[in-house]
Amino acid sequence: MERDKQPGIQIARAVAALTIVYYHSWVSITRFPEGTAHPIPFLSVYGWLGVDFFFAISGYVICLVVSRGTFAVWPFLIKRVFRLYPLWILMLSIFAATAWLWRGLLPTETLGFFLYSATLGLTDGFPFYNIGWSLQHEMVFYLMAAIIAPLFGVAGLIAALLTSYLAFQFIDMPWYLATLANHHGEFLAGALAFVARDKLARFGFWIPAVIGAPLLAFFAIAEKSQLLPFALFFLIVAFANIKTISRWAVLLGDASYSLYLIHPMVFFTASAVVSKFPGLPLWTQEPIRFACILLAVGLSLLSWEYFEKKAIRFGNGLVSRDSRKVVASQVPI
């Protein structure tokens, strides 16, 4: 697990997660009159870019993993399963139970839909717990890597992502293909950044960051989502060139997945609590918003330490035991 980490990529994970968290933080103060808050302008409108950034990070990290000589399909998939599913199923269950007890289930929130959402199978729209839509894309990308990389390497994976990305731009696809291909450009940006990392290392952080950040903002404001991968490529290169970070940045990067899944529940709960106090003064909105963000961060750090890390270690242990069995079976009797 530790070998897959790079200092700059840890920072990138933290930045992506915090961007998404701030973008969704309006939920915590939605009970106040509209237009009376004081949000950070760009983040409050374009914080959704953090998800695209996460996809690009995954493109980089998975290429790093599959490019190793020790890469094997089943250990890779087992580790990915224990990286995503335990916390996803836990938070999905917490959301379902809270929704049932607090407001009652919607007509679409059936047991069948809950069970299907737990698999992270592709949905035409949001899963039972909305935030899980991006995890569906992650799982499909992992499966692509597991199928393509052993046969054709990183180059084959890049070719598949590029083909899918271009096809989405020019071909009318069925919804289930279009939904996936719509984000393959972001994974492609990270994969290309991985390939170019050594050649562009001499530019450090600031040069690619100064190119990538304004481009990302421009493409978002101009509603040119198909061009976002070009900006994300430079941003991933920039963060990959960071070699040292503080311990707290590492921890926040570690906890970024927990932060991504936990923060909606914190904001939903805060909104429900605020609704019970209709006389709160308007100036309390921003303190409430940032208190919720800090609470989400704190819960995520606890989740990483006492839940995520244990689930990952369990998955790694399964892989290690299987590896020992294989070696033992090859020893002549």
Protein backbone atom coordinates (compact mmCIF):
# COMPACT_ATOMS: atom_id res chain seq x y z
CA MET A 1 0.00 0.00 0.00
CA GLU A 2 2.74 2.47 0.93
CA ARG A 3 4.64 1.90 -2.31
CA ASP A 4 1.74 3.28 -4.35
CA LYS A 5 1.95 6.65 -2.61
CA GLN A 6 3.81 9.65 -3.94
CA PRO A 7 4.07 12.86 -1.91
CA GLY A 8 2.61 15.19 -4.53
CA ILE A 9 -0.20 12.81 -5.39
CA GLN A 10 -1.16 12.75 -1.70
CA ILE A 11 -1.51 16.53 -1.81
CA ALA A 12 -3.52 16.26 -5.03
CA ARG A 13 -5.93 13.83 -3.33
CA ALA A 14 -6.38 16.21 -0.42
CA VAL A 15 -6.96 19.18 -2.73
CA ALA A 16 -9.51 17.25 -4.79
CA ALA A 17 -11.41 16.09 -1.70
CA LEU A 18 -11.48 19.50 -0.03
CA THR A 19 -12.62 21.14 -3.26
CA ILE A 20 -15.57 18.75 -3.51
CA VAL A 21 -16.37 19.15 0.17
CA TYR A 22 -16.53 22.93 -0.11
CA TYR A 23 -18.64 22.69 -3.26
CA HIS A 24 -21.23 20.60 -1.37
CA SER A 25 -21.02 22.64 1.83
CA TRP A 26 -24.03 24.76 0.81
CA VAL A 27 -26.18 21.81 1.92
CA SER A 28 -25.28 22.51 5.56
CA ILE A 29 -26.77 26.02 5.36
CA THR A 30 -29.56 25.47 2.85
CA ARG A 31 -32.18 26.24 5.55
CA PHE A 32 -31.09 29.87 5.63
CA PRO A 33 -32.64 32.39 3.19
CA GLU A 34 -31.18 32.09 -0.30
CA GLY A 35 -28.48 34.58 -1.23
CA THR A 36 -27.51 35.49 2.34
CA ALA A 37 -24.31 33.39 2.60
CA HIS A 38 -20.80 34.48 1.63
CA PRO A 39 -19.24 31.54 -0.22
CA ILE A 40 -15.83 31.44 -1.88
CA PRO A 41 -16.85 32.41 -5.44
CA PHE A 42 -15.02 29.97 -7.73
CA LEU A 43 -15.18 26.96 -5.42
CA SER A 44 -18.87 27.37 -4.73
CA VAL A 45 -19.66 27.21 -8.46
CA TYR A 46 -16.92 25.01 -9.93
CA GLY A 47 -15.91 22.80 -7.01
CA TRP A 48 -17.26 19.82 -8.98
CA LEU A 49 -13.92 19.93 -10.82
CA GLY A 50 -12.51 18.05 -7.84
CA VAL A 51 -14.19 14.87 -9.10
CA ASP A 52 -12.52 15.24 -12.50
CA PHE A 53 -9.24 15.81 -10.67
CA PHE A 54 -9.81 12.58 -8.73
CA PHE A 55 -10.32 10.68 -11.99
CA ALA A 56 -7.04 12.07 -13.36
CA ILE A 57 -5.27 11.08 -10.13
CA SER A 58 -6.62 7.54 -10.54
CA GLY A 59 -5.33 7.44 -14.11
CA TYR A 60 -1.85 8.30 -12.85
CA VAL A 61 -1.86 5.96 -9.84
CA ILE A 62 -3.26 2.92 -11.66
CA CYS A 63 -0.68 3.30 -14.43
CA LEU A 64 1.98 3.43 -11.72
CA VAL A 65 0.65 0.17 -10.27
CA VAL A 66 0.19 -1.78 -13.51
CA SER A 67 3.59 -0.74 -14.84
CA ARG A 68 5.41 -2.63 -12.09
CA GLY A 69 6.94 -5.97 -12.93
CA THR A 70 5.15 -7.51 -9.96
CA PHE A 71 1.69 -6.55 -11.23
CA ALA A 72 -0.85 -9.39 -11.21
CA VAL A 73 -4.52 -9.13 -12.04
CA TRP A 74 -6.20 -10.89 -9.11
CA PRO A 75 -4.13 -9.29 -6.35
CA PHE A 76 -4.75 -5.92 -8.01
CA LEU A 77 -8.53 -6.43 -8.11
CA ILE A 78 -8.70 -7.82 -4.57
CA LYS A 79 -6.83 -4.80 -3.24
CA ARG A 80 -9.08 -2.43 -5.18
CA VAL A 81 -12.21 -4.16 -3.86
CA PHE A 82 -11.07 -3.80 -0.25
CA ARG A 83 -10.02 -0.23 -0.95
CA LEU A 84 -13.47 0.85 -2.17
CA TYR A 85 -16.26 -1.45 -1.05
CA PRO A 86 -16.12 -1.70 2.77
CA LEU A 87 -16.45 2.05 3.37
CA TRP A 88 -18.86 2.47 0.46
CA ILE A 89 -21.22 -0.20 1.79
CA LEU A 90 -20.96 1.24 5.32
CA MET A 91 -21.79 4.80 4.23
CA LEU A 92 -24.50 3.61 1.84
CA SER A 93 -26.11 1.72 4.72
CA ILE A 94 -25.83 4.69 7.09
CA PHE A 95 -27.43 6.96 4.49
CA ALA A 96 -30.26 4.48 3.81
CA ALA A 97 -30.99 4.01 7.52
CA THR A 98 -30.90 7.76 8.17
CA ALA A 99 -33.17 8.52 5.22
CA TRP A 100 -35.65 5.84 6.33
CA LEU A 101 -35.78 7.04 9.93
CA TRP A 102 -35.64 10.78 9.30
CA ARG A 103 -37.74 11.51 6.21
CA GLY A 104 -38.96 8.15 4.95
CA LEU A 105 -37.76 6.42 1.80
CA LEU A 106 -38.59 7.83 -1.61
CA PRO A 107 -40.44 5.66 -4.15
CA THR A 108 -37.16 5.07 -5.99
CA GLU A 109 -35.28 4.07 -2.83
CA THR A 110 -36.19 0.40 -2.89
CA LEU A 111 -34.34 -2.56 -1.39
CA GLY A 112 -33.46 -3.77 -4.88
CA PHE A 113 -31.98 -0.39 -5.80
CA PHE A 114 -30.03 -0.35 -2.52
CA LEU A 115 -28.55 -3.79 -3.19
CA TYR A 116 -27.71 -2.92 -6.79
CA SER A 117 -26.10 0.36 -5.73
CA ALA A 118 -23.96 -1.58 -3.25
CA THR A 119 -22.34 -3.41 -6.17
CA LEU A 120 -21.29 -0.09 -7.77
CA GLY A 121 -22.87 -1.30 -10.97
CA LEU A 122 -23.55 1.44 -13.51
CA THR A 123 -26.80 3.36 -13.06
CA ASP A 124 -28.67 5.66 -15.44
CA GLY A 125 -28.50 8.50 -12.95
CA PHE A 126 -27.36 8.53 -9.34
CA PRO A 127 -27.09 5.42 -7.13
CA PHE A 128 -28.99 5.11 -3.83
CA TYR A 129 -26.36 7.29 -2.11
CA ASN A 130 -25.70 9.97 -4.73
CA ILE A 131 -22.02 10.51 -4.05
CA GLY A 132 -21.24 6.96 -5.21
CA TRP A 133 -21.74 7.77 -8.90
CA SER A 134 -18.03 8.50 -9.35
CA LEU A 135 -17.07 5.16 -7.76
CA GLN A 136 -18.89 3.40 -10.57
CA HIS A 137 -16.45 5.02 -13.01
CA GLU A 138 -13.52 4.09 -10.81
CA MET A 139 -14.50 0.41 -10.78
CA VAL A 140 -14.93 0.26 -14.55
CA PHE A 141 -11.51 1.86 -14.97
CA TYR A 142 -9.96 -0.72 -12.64
CA LEU A 143 -11.53 -3.50 -14.69
CA MET A 144 -10.21 -1.94 -17.90
CA ALA A 145 -6.72 -1.82 -16.39
CA ALA A 146 -6.99 -5.44 -15.22
CA ILE A 147 -8.01 -6.63 -18.69
CA ILE A 148 -5.84 -4.46 -20.91
CA ALA A 149 -2.62 -3.88 -18.96
CA PRO A 150 -1.48 -7.53 -18.74
CA LEU A 151 -1.76 -7.86 -22.52
CA PHE A 152 -0.81 -4.44 -23.84
CA GLY A 153 0.71 -2.56 -20.91
CA VAL A 154 0.21 1.12 -20.08
CA ALA A 155 0.34 2.00 -23.79
CA GLY A 156 -2.64 -0.25 -24.46
CA LEU A 157 -4.59 1.27 -21.59
CA ILE A 158 -3.87 4.77 -22.90
CA ALA A 159 -4.96 3.73 -26.40
CA ALA A 160 -8.24 2.35 -25.04
CA LEU A 161 -8.95 5.51 -23.03
CA LEU A 162 -8.09 7.73 -25.99
CA THR A 163 -10.33 5.74 -28.33
CA SER A 164 -13.20 5.92 -25.85
CA TYR A 165 -12.66 9.64 -25.25
CA LEU A 166 -12.66 10.46 -28.98
CA ALA A 167 -15.63 8.18 -29.65
CA PHE A 168 -17.67 10.03 -27.04
CA GLN A 169 -16.92 13.33 -28.78
CA PHE A 170 -18.00 12.19 -32.25
CA ILE A 171 -20.33 9.19 -31.93
CA ASP A 172 -23.85 8.97 -30.53
CA MET A 173 -23.52 6.18 -27.93
CA PRO A 174 -26.03 4.27 -25.78
CA TRP A 175 -26.35 5.80 -22.30
CA TYR A 176 -24.32 3.10 -20.56
CA LEU A 177 -21.35 3.65 -22.89
CA ALA A 178 -21.70 7.42 -23.04
CA THR A 179 -21.85 7.66 -19.24
CA LEU A 180 -18.50 5.90 -18.92
CA ALA A 181 -16.75 7.41 -21.93
CA ASN A 182 -17.73 10.87 -20.73
CA HIS A 183 -14.97 10.68 -18.07
CA HIS A 184 -12.33 8.61 -19.83
CA GLY A 185 -10.61 11.80 -20.89
CA GLU A 186 -9.85 12.58 -17.23
CA PHE A 187 -8.37 9.12 -16.62
CA LEU A 188 -6.42 9.57 -19.85
CA ALA A 189 -4.96 12.86 -18.59
CA GLY A 190 -3.54 11.10 -15.53
CA ALA A 191 -2.22 8.19 -17.59
CA LEU A 192 -0.42 10.56 -19.97
CA ALA A 193 0.99 12.49 -17.03
CA PHE A 194 2.41 9.22 -15.71
CA VAL A 195 4.13 8.50 -19.04
CA ALA A 196 5.52 12.05 -19.25
CA ARG A 197 6.51 12.38 -15.59
CA ASP A 198 10.26 11.83 -16.03
CA LYS A 199 10.59 14.11 -19.05
CA LEU A 200 8.67 16.93 -17.35
CA ALA A 201 10.19 16.54 -13.87
CA ARG A 202 12.67 19.34 -14.54
CA PHE A 203 9.82 21.87 -14.70
CA GLY A 204 8.95 21.32 -11.05
CA PHE A 205 5.56 22.25 -9.64
CA TRP A 206 4.98 25.86 -10.53
CA ILE A 207 5.43 25.90 -14.32
CA PRO A 208 2.90 23.14 -15.11
CA ALA A 209 0.61 24.41 -12.32
CA VAL A 210 0.59 27.94 -13.75
CA ILE A 211 -0.36 26.46 -17.12
CA GLY A 212 -2.90 23.94 -15.85
CA ALA A 213 -4.84 25.95 -13.25
CA PRO A 214 -5.84 28.87 -15.52
CA LEU A 215 -6.68 26.45 -18.33
CA LEU A 216 -8.89 24.42 -15.99
CA ALA A 217 -10.71 27.56 -14.84
CA PHE A 218 -11.11 28.83 -18.41
CA PHE A 219 -12.48 25.54 -19.77
CA ALA A 220 -14.89 25.25 -16.84
CA ILE A 221 -16.20 28.80 -17.18
CA ALA A 222 -16.47 28.43 -20.97
CA GLU A 223 -18.34 25.13 -20.46
CA LYS A 224 -15.78 23.25 -22.56
CA SER A 225 -15.80 20.08 -20.49
CA GLN A 226 -14.31 18.06 -23.35
CA LEU A 227 -11.12 20.12 -22.99
CA LEU A 228 -10.70 19.64 -19.24
CA PRO A 229 -8.27 16.70 -19.71
CA PHE A 230 -5.70 19.04 -21.29
CA ALA A 231 -5.64 21.19 -18.16
CA LEU A 232 -5.73 18.19 -15.83
CA PHE A 233 -2.66 16.73 -17.55
CA PHE A 234 -0.58 19.75 -16.50
CA LEU A 235 -1.99 19.74 -12.97
CA ILE A 236 -1.16 16.08 -12.42
CA VAL A 237 2.36 16.67 -13.75
CA ALA A 238 2.69 19.61 -11.35
CA PHE A 239 1.65 17.62 -8.28
CA ALA A 240 3.69 14.57 -9.33
CA ASN A 241 6.77 16.81 -9.25
CA ILE A 242 6.30 17.55 -5.53
CA LYS A 243 8.72 15.33 -3.63
CA THR A 244 8.28 16.22 0.05
CA ILE A 245 5.21 17.10 2.11
CA SER A 246 4.23 17.36 5.75
CA ARG A 247 2.82 14.49 7.77
CA TRP A 248 -0.58 16.20 7.93
CA ALA A 249 -0.77 16.46 4.15
CA VAL A 250 -0.07 12.72 3.94
CA LEU A 251 -2.83 12.01 6.46
CA LEU A 252 -5.33 14.18 4.62
CA GLY A 253 -4.43 12.46 1.37
CA ASP A 254 -4.91 9.09 3.07
CA ALA A 255 -8.30 10.16 4.41
CA SER A 256 -9.49 11.72 1.13
CA TYR A 257 -11.70 8.74 0.23
CA SER A 258 -13.33 8.78 3.66
CA LEU A 259 -13.77 12.53 3.34
CA TYR A 260 -15.44 12.08 -0.03
CA LEU A 261 -17.97 9.55 1.29
CA ILE A 262 -18.58 11.00 4.75
CA HIS A 263 -19.02 14.71 4.07
CA PRO A 264 -22.53 14.49 2.52
CA MET A 265 -23.87 12.84 5.67
CA VAL A 266 -22.34 15.57 7.83
CA PHE A 267 -23.95 18.27 5.70
CA PHE A 268 -27.34 16.52 5.54
CA THR A 269 -27.33 16.17 9.33
CA ALA A 270 -26.31 19.79 9.84
CA SER A 271 -29.12 20.95 7.57
CA ALA A 272 -31.63 18.91 9.56
CA VAL A 273 -30.35 20.31 12.87
CA VAL A 274 -30.40 23.91 11.56
CA SER A 275 -34.02 23.43 10.50
CA LYS A 276 -34.90 22.98 14.18
CA PHE A 277 -33.59 26.47 15.00
CA PRO A 278 -35.29 28.82 12.51
CA GLY A 279 -34.27 31.92 14.44
CA LEU A 280 -30.50 31.56 13.95
CA PRO A 281 -28.89 34.85 12.87
CA LEU A 282 -27.61 35.07 9.31
CA TRP A 283 -24.00 35.64 10.40
CA THR A 284 -23.85 32.07 11.74
CA GLN A 285 -23.95 30.58 8.25
CA GLU A 286 -20.25 30.63 7.49
CA PRO A 287 -19.22 29.43 10.97
CA ILE A 288 -21.68 26.54 10.54
CA ARG A 289 -20.30 25.77 7.09
CA PHE A 290 -16.67 25.64 8.24
CA ALA A 291 -17.52 23.81 11.46
CA CYS A 292 -19.16 21.11 9.31
CA ILE A 293 -16.11 20.95 7.04
CA LEU A 294 -13.82 20.55 10.05
CA LEU A 295 -16.11 17.89 11.51
CA ALA A 296 -16.08 15.99 8.19
CA VAL A 297 -12.29 16.15 8.11
CA GLY A 298 -12.03 14.90 11.70
CA LEU A 299 -14.43 12.01 11.12
CA SER A 300 -12.55 11.11 7.95
CA LEU A 301 -9.23 10.92 9.76
CA LEU A 302 -10.82 8.61 12.31
CA SER A 303 -12.37 6.55 9.52
CA TRP A 304 -9.00 6.17 7.83
CA GLU A 305 -7.23 5.12 11.01
CA TYR A 306 -9.82 2.76 12.45
CA PHE A 307 -11.77 1.48 9.44
CA GLU A 308 -10.23 2.07 6.03
CA LYS A 309 -6.71 1.10 7.00
CA LYS A 310 -7.91 -2.13 8.58
CA ALA A 311 -9.99 -3.06 5.52
CA ILE A 312 -7.03 -2.39 3.22
CA ARG A 313 -4.72 -4.46 5.40
CA PHE A 314 -7.23 -7.31 5.38
CA GLY A 315 -7.30 -7.25 1.57
CA ASN A 316 -3.52 -7.12 1.42
CA GLY A 317 -3.40 -10.05 3.82
CA LEU A 318 -5.64 -12.12 1.55
CA VAL A 319 -3.32 -11.39 -1.37
CA SER A 320 -0.26 -12.32 0.69
CA ARG A 321 -1.79 -15.61 1.81
CA ASP A 322 -2.73 -16.50 -1.76
CA SER A 323 0.81 -15.67 -2.91
CA ARG A 324 2.31 -17.96 -0.26
CA LYS A 325 -0.02 -20.77 -1.35
CA VAL A 326 1.10 -20.38 -4.96
CA VAL A 327 4.76 -20.47 -3.97
CA ALA A 328 4.19 -23.52 -1.75
CA SER A 329 2.40 -25.37 -4.56
CA GLN A 330 5.43 -24.83 -6.81
CA VAL A 331 7.87 -26.41 -4.37
CA PRO A 332 8.60 -30.01 -5.48
CA ILE A 333 7.69 -32.70 -2.98
